[in-house]
Amino acid sequence: MKTLTAPVDHRVEIADGVATITLDRPQAYNAMTAALLESLLATFKQLERDAAVRAIVLTGAGKAFCAGQALDDVRTLPPDGSHELFNTIERRYNPLIVAIMTSEMPVIAAVNGVAAGAGFSIACACDFRIVAETASFTTAFVKIGLVPDSAMSFTLPRLIGYAKALELCLLSDKVDAQRADALGLCTKVVPADEVVAEAQLLAARFAHGPRSLGLIKRELLRNGLGDLRAAVEYELQLQSIAGATTDFAEGLAAFASKRAPVFRGE
């Protein structure tokens, strides 16, 4: 087994052709900061060049897979009330999502706990989702006055259909593992203490598979899903509108105060 040197807020272990990436901010439910996004993207690029790696498992430390954007990250949401949301999506989230989805290596999400907001988006961008029985999903964006980003508008309808994707995005209710499985989000639901091992077992099958695995992934992405880059660009345009609303400011204030937001539709 080998490890990559000094990644920020995540760990990487490589064994038998499988790289296991563990988001390592358990005290913050593995919420994404600008630094973590940049480092994670660099890790994916490094693994793509590593001939010893044939498949990737992505999971989280502690109780969560990933709670989405860290709303206390001063590089993205400074305390002065301004924000760098547009730049973070354009320069950090979107390149990471594209790297995951266009990698010729299969990427398996071991969803060990809650996946919320952009954390849900990242799980959807992975090729397979091994989900703990205790895990849950929530789109979350609407709760702070934003629209889905990080390719959720591209991936989620293709996974579960337009009507259910719209329901999850507009209502943002918690979806437990059993309902997620019924909707078609899960490759397999397993006991919580088996989720990473089960994902690694699947990854090992791919790590010992033929070169054509990567070509199949490329083929289906291009011919079966459509234009990923155009989709994330359109998300970015809509998020720039949502991020300029007073509702978004109210959503952030409500989150910080641990109260329900009072949206005014403006």
Protein backbone atom coordinates (compact mmCIF):
# COMPACT_ATOMS: atom_id res chain seq x y z
CA MET A 1 0.00 0.00 0.00
CA LYS A 2 1.20 3.53 -0.74
CA THR A 3 -0.14 6.98 0.09
CA LEU A 4 0.02 10.31 -1.72
CA THR A 5 1.99 13.06 -0.03
CA ALA A 6 0.31 15.95 1.80
CA PRO A 7 -3.18 16.23 0.31
CA VAL A 8 -5.30 18.88 2.05
CA ASP A 9 -8.13 17.54 4.23
CA HIS A 10 -8.29 14.13 2.58
CA ARG A 11 -6.34 10.89 2.62
CA VAL A 12 -5.37 8.65 -0.28
CA GLU A 13 -4.37 5.01 -0.05
CA ILE A 14 -3.44 2.88 -3.05
CA ALA A 15 -3.49 -0.90 -2.98
CA ASP A 16 -3.93 -3.56 -5.67
CA GLY A 17 -4.84 -1.05 -8.36
CA VAL A 18 -7.47 0.75 -6.26
CA ALA A 19 -7.06 4.28 -4.89
CA THR A 20 -9.27 5.01 -1.89
CA ILE A 21 -9.83 8.72 -1.25
CA THR A 22 -11.24 9.61 2.16
CA LEU A 23 -12.52 13.13 2.78
CA ASP A 24 -11.12 13.95 6.21
CA ARG A 25 -13.01 16.82 7.81
CA PRO A 26 -15.27 14.69 10.04
CA GLN A 27 -15.88 17.50 12.53
CA ALA A 28 -17.46 19.50 9.66
CA TYR A 29 -19.20 16.51 8.05
CA ASN A 30 -16.57 16.67 5.30
CA ALA A 31 -17.98 19.95 3.96
CA MET A 32 -16.02 21.35 1.03
CA THR A 33 -13.69 24.31 1.41
CA ALA A 34 -11.85 25.99 -1.44
CA ALA A 35 -8.61 24.40 -0.22
CA LEU A 36 -10.12 20.90 -0.11
CA LEU A 37 -11.65 21.26 -3.58
CA GLU A 38 -8.34 22.39 -5.07
CA SER A 39 -6.41 19.61 -3.40
CA LEU A 40 -8.99 16.98 -4.31
CA LEU A 41 -8.91 18.02 -7.97
CA ALA A 42 -5.12 17.77 -7.91
CA THR A 43 -5.43 14.27 -6.45
CA PHE A 44 -7.76 13.12 -9.22
CA LYS A 45 -5.39 14.51 -11.85
CA GLN A 46 -2.43 12.78 -10.19
CA LEU A 47 -4.27 9.46 -10.00
CA GLU A 48 -5.25 9.75 -13.65
CA ARG A 49 -1.54 9.76 -14.52
CA ASP A 50 -0.65 6.87 -12.19
CA ALA A 51 -0.39 3.63 -14.15
CA ALA A 52 -0.73 1.65 -10.91
CA VAL A 53 -4.27 2.96 -10.36
CA ARG A 54 -7.15 1.38 -12.29
CA ALA A 55 -10.18 2.35 -10.16
CA ILE A 56 -11.07 4.90 -7.47
CA VAL A 57 -13.20 4.75 -4.31
CA LEU A 58 -14.36 8.04 -2.77
CA THR A 59 -15.71 8.11 0.78
CA GLY A 60 -15.86 10.27 3.89
CA ALA A 61 -14.48 10.01 7.41
CA GLY A 62 -16.86 9.97 10.35
CA LYS A 63 -20.65 10.23 10.08
CA ALA A 64 -20.93 11.95 6.69
CA PHE A 65 -19.98 11.36 3.09
CA CYS A 66 -20.00 15.11 2.34
CA ALA A 67 -22.28 17.89 3.59
CA GLY A 68 -21.65 20.07 0.52
CA GLN A 69 -20.17 23.54 0.57
CA ALA A 70 -18.69 24.71 3.88
CA LEU A 71 -20.73 27.82 4.62
CA ASP A 72 -18.02 29.06 6.99
CA ASP A 73 -15.26 28.91 4.36
CA VAL A 74 -13.92 32.46 4.26
CA ARG A 75 -12.42 32.03 0.79
CA THR A 76 -15.86 31.30 -0.65
CA LEU A 77 -18.19 33.12 1.76
CA PRO A 78 -16.28 35.92 3.51
CA PRO A 79 -17.77 37.30 6.75
CA ASP A 80 -18.32 40.72 5.12
CA GLY A 81 -21.41 39.38 3.33
CA SER A 82 -19.84 39.10 -0.11
CA HIS A 83 -19.27 35.75 -1.76
CA GLU A 84 -17.13 33.98 -4.34
CA LEU A 85 -19.78 31.42 -5.18
CA PHE A 86 -19.53 31.88 -8.95
CA ASN A 87 -15.75 31.52 -8.95
CA THR A 88 -15.83 28.50 -6.62
CA ILE A 89 -18.29 26.68 -8.85
CA GLU A 90 -16.50 27.63 -12.07
CA ARG A 91 -12.92 27.05 -10.89
CA ARG A 92 -13.29 24.31 -8.30
CA TYR A 93 -16.53 22.31 -8.34
CA ASN A 94 -17.06 22.05 -12.09
CA PRO A 95 -13.49 20.94 -12.91
CA LEU A 96 -13.71 18.32 -10.15
CA ILE A 97 -17.03 16.98 -11.46
CA VAL A 98 -15.72 16.88 -15.03
CA ALA A 99 -12.56 15.08 -13.83
CA ILE A 100 -14.66 12.42 -12.08
CA MET A 101 -17.09 11.88 -14.93
CA THR A 102 -14.57 11.94 -17.78
CA SER A 103 -11.97 9.79 -16.03
CA GLU A 104 -11.54 6.49 -17.83
CA MET A 105 -11.21 4.84 -14.43
CA PRO A 106 -14.43 3.73 -12.75
CA VAL A 107 -15.14 5.91 -9.71
CA ILE A 108 -17.19 4.37 -6.89
CA ALA A 109 -18.75 6.48 -4.14
CA ALA A 110 -18.85 4.69 -0.79
CA VAL A 111 -21.63 6.78 0.73
CA ASN A 112 -21.04 6.18 4.42
CA GLY A 113 -23.39 8.89 5.74
CA VAL A 114 -25.24 12.02 4.72
CA ALA A 115 -24.63 13.39 1.23
CA ALA A 116 -26.04 16.92 0.98
CA GLY A 117 -25.91 19.69 -1.59
CA ALA A 118 -22.73 19.51 -3.60
CA GLY A 119 -21.87 16.35 -1.66
CA PHE A 120 -24.96 14.75 -3.20
CA SER A 121 -23.84 16.11 -6.58
CA ILE A 122 -20.42 14.50 -6.19
CA ALA A 123 -22.01 11.16 -5.31
CA CYS A 124 -24.18 11.42 -8.44
CA ALA A 125 -21.13 12.20 -10.57
CA CYS A 126 -19.49 8.94 -9.52
CA ASP A 127 -20.15 5.89 -11.67
CA PHE A 128 -21.45 3.70 -8.84
CA ARG A 129 -22.83 4.36 -5.37
CA ILE A 130 -22.38 1.77 -2.62
CA VAL A 131 -24.59 3.17 0.13
CA ALA A 132 -24.67 2.48 3.86
CA GLU A 133 -28.05 1.48 5.30
CA THR A 134 -27.78 4.49 7.62
CA ALA A 135 -26.86 7.01 4.88
CA SER A 136 -29.16 9.69 3.51
CA PHE A 137 -29.33 12.23 0.71
CA THR A 138 -30.70 15.76 0.43
CA THR A 139 -30.35 18.25 -2.38
CA ALA A 140 -30.25 21.19 0.12
CA PHE A 141 -29.70 24.00 -2.42
CA VAL A 142 -33.21 25.42 -2.25
CA LYS A 143 -32.99 25.69 1.55
CA ILE A 144 -30.53 28.57 1.18
CA GLY A 145 -32.10 30.06 -1.95
CA LEU A 146 -29.79 28.51 -4.55
CA VAL A 147 -30.16 26.20 -7.55
CA PRO A 148 -28.52 22.77 -7.93
CA ASP A 149 -24.96 22.89 -9.21
CA SER A 150 -21.95 20.61 -9.61
CA ALA A 151 -23.80 18.84 -12.45
CA MET A 152 -26.75 17.72 -10.30
CA SER A 153 -29.18 19.06 -12.92
CA PHE A 154 -27.36 16.85 -15.46
CA THR A 155 -26.88 13.66 -13.45
CA LEU A 156 -29.89 13.39 -11.15
CA PRO A 157 -32.65 13.34 -13.82
CA ARG A 158 -30.66 10.72 -15.73
CA LEU A 159 -30.40 8.55 -12.63
CA ILE A 160 -33.97 8.78 -11.31
CA GLY A 161 -36.03 10.55 -13.98
CA TYR A 162 -37.17 14.15 -14.37
CA ALA A 163 -40.24 14.06 -12.11
CA LYS A 164 -38.46 12.57 -9.09
CA ALA A 165 -35.39 14.76 -9.63
CA LEU A 166 -37.62 17.85 -9.64
CA GLU A 167 -39.33 16.63 -6.46
CA LEU A 168 -36.02 16.12 -4.67
CA CYS A 169 -34.67 19.50 -5.81
CA LEU A 170 -37.77 21.58 -5.03
CA LEU A 171 -38.71 19.94 -1.72
CA SER A 172 -35.20 19.03 -0.54
CA ASP A 173 -36.57 16.38 1.79
CA LYS A 174 -34.26 13.84 3.39
CA VAL A 175 -34.07 10.63 1.36
CA ASP A 176 -32.99 7.60 3.36
CA ALA A 177 -31.01 4.74 1.84
CA GLN A 178 -34.04 2.54 1.30
CA ARG A 179 -35.93 5.20 -0.68
CA ALA A 180 -32.75 6.16 -2.54
CA ASP A 181 -32.39 2.53 -3.58
CA ALA A 182 -36.01 2.40 -4.75
CA LEU A 183 -35.46 5.58 -6.78
CA GLY A 184 -32.43 4.06 -8.52
CA LEU A 185 -29.67 6.08 -6.86
CA CYS A 186 -27.89 3.13 -5.29
CA THR A 187 -25.81 0.42 -6.86
CA LYS A 188 -26.06 -1.53 -3.61
CA VAL A 189 -27.14 -0.85 -0.02
CA VAL A 190 -25.02 -2.52 2.66
CA PRO A 191 -24.47 -2.34 6.44
CA ALA A 192 -22.60 0.80 7.44
CA ASP A 193 -19.50 -1.06 8.58
CA GLU A 194 -19.19 -2.76 5.19
CA VAL A 195 -19.63 0.19 2.84
CA VAL A 196 -15.98 0.97 2.10
CA ALA A 197 -14.95 -2.68 1.83
CA GLU A 198 -17.85 -3.38 -0.53
CA ALA A 199 -16.88 -0.40 -2.70
CA GLN A 200 -13.25 -1.54 -2.74
CA LEU A 201 -14.35 -5.04 -3.73
CA LEU A 202 -16.23 -3.62 -6.72
CA ALA A 203 -13.28 -1.36 -7.57
CA ALA A 204 -10.93 -4.36 -7.48
CA ARG A 205 -13.04 -6.08 -10.16
CA PHE A 206 -12.51 -3.08 -12.40
CA ALA A 207 -8.83 -2.79 -11.49
CA HIS A 208 -8.29 -6.23 -12.98
CA GLY A 209 -10.51 -5.65 -16.01
CA PRO A 210 -9.63 -4.89 -19.65
CA ARG A 211 -8.62 -1.58 -21.21
CA SER A 212 -12.06 -1.39 -22.80
CA LEU A 213 -13.66 -0.46 -19.45
CA GLY A 214 -12.46 3.11 -19.82
CA LEU A 215 -13.53 3.21 -23.45
CA ILE A 216 -17.02 2.03 -22.50
CA LYS A 217 -17.29 4.81 -19.93
CA ARG A 218 -16.18 7.38 -22.50
CA GLU A 219 -18.61 5.98 -25.08
CA LEU A 220 -21.65 6.03 -22.80
CA LEU A 221 -20.88 9.52 -21.48
CA ARG A 222 -20.66 10.96 -24.98
CA ASN A 223 -23.46 9.04 -26.67
CA GLY A 224 -25.79 8.33 -23.77
CA LEU A 225 -25.75 11.37 -21.53
CA GLY A 226 -25.16 14.45 -23.69
CA ASP A 227 -23.06 17.57 -23.22
CA LEU A 228 -21.76 17.66 -19.64
CA ARG A 229 -19.74 20.85 -20.06
CA ALA A 230 -22.68 22.78 -21.53
CA ALA A 231 -24.84 21.60 -18.62
CA VAL A 232 -22.47 22.82 -15.90
CA GLU A 233 -22.02 26.13 -17.75
CA TYR A 234 -25.79 26.67 -17.72
CA GLU A 235 -25.93 25.78 -14.02
CA LEU A 236 -23.27 28.40 -13.44
CA GLN A 237 -25.32 31.08 -15.18
CA LEU A 238 -28.41 30.30 -13.10
CA GLN A 239 -26.42 30.08 -9.87
CA SER A 240 -25.01 33.56 -10.53
CA ILE A 241 -28.60 34.84 -10.63
CA ALA A 242 -29.63 32.94 -7.50
CA GLY A 243 -26.47 34.03 -5.66
CA ALA A 244 -27.37 37.70 -6.21
CA THR A 245 -30.82 37.43 -4.62
CA THR A 246 -31.84 38.66 -1.19
CA ASP A 247 -33.22 35.16 -0.62
CA PHE A 248 -29.71 33.72 -0.76
CA ALA A 249 -28.52 36.30 1.78
CA GLU A 250 -31.47 35.35 3.99
CA GLY A 251 -30.70 31.66 3.55
CA LEU A 252 -27.13 32.15 4.75
CA ALA A 253 -28.25 34.31 7.68
CA ALA A 254 -30.84 31.74 8.70
CA PHE A 255 -28.31 28.93 8.50
CA ALA A 256 -25.85 30.86 10.66
CA SER A 257 -28.59 31.63 13.21
CA LYS A 258 -29.95 28.07 13.13
CA ARG A 259 -33.46 29.24 12.27
CA ALA A 260 -35.86 28.69 9.39
CA PRO A 261 -35.35 31.16 6.51
CA VAL A 262 -38.05 33.64 5.57
CA PHE A 263 -37.89 33.85 1.80
CA ARG A 264 -39.58 36.69 -0.06
CA GLY A 265 -39.08 35.50 -3.62
CA GLU A 266 -36.65 38.27 -4.51
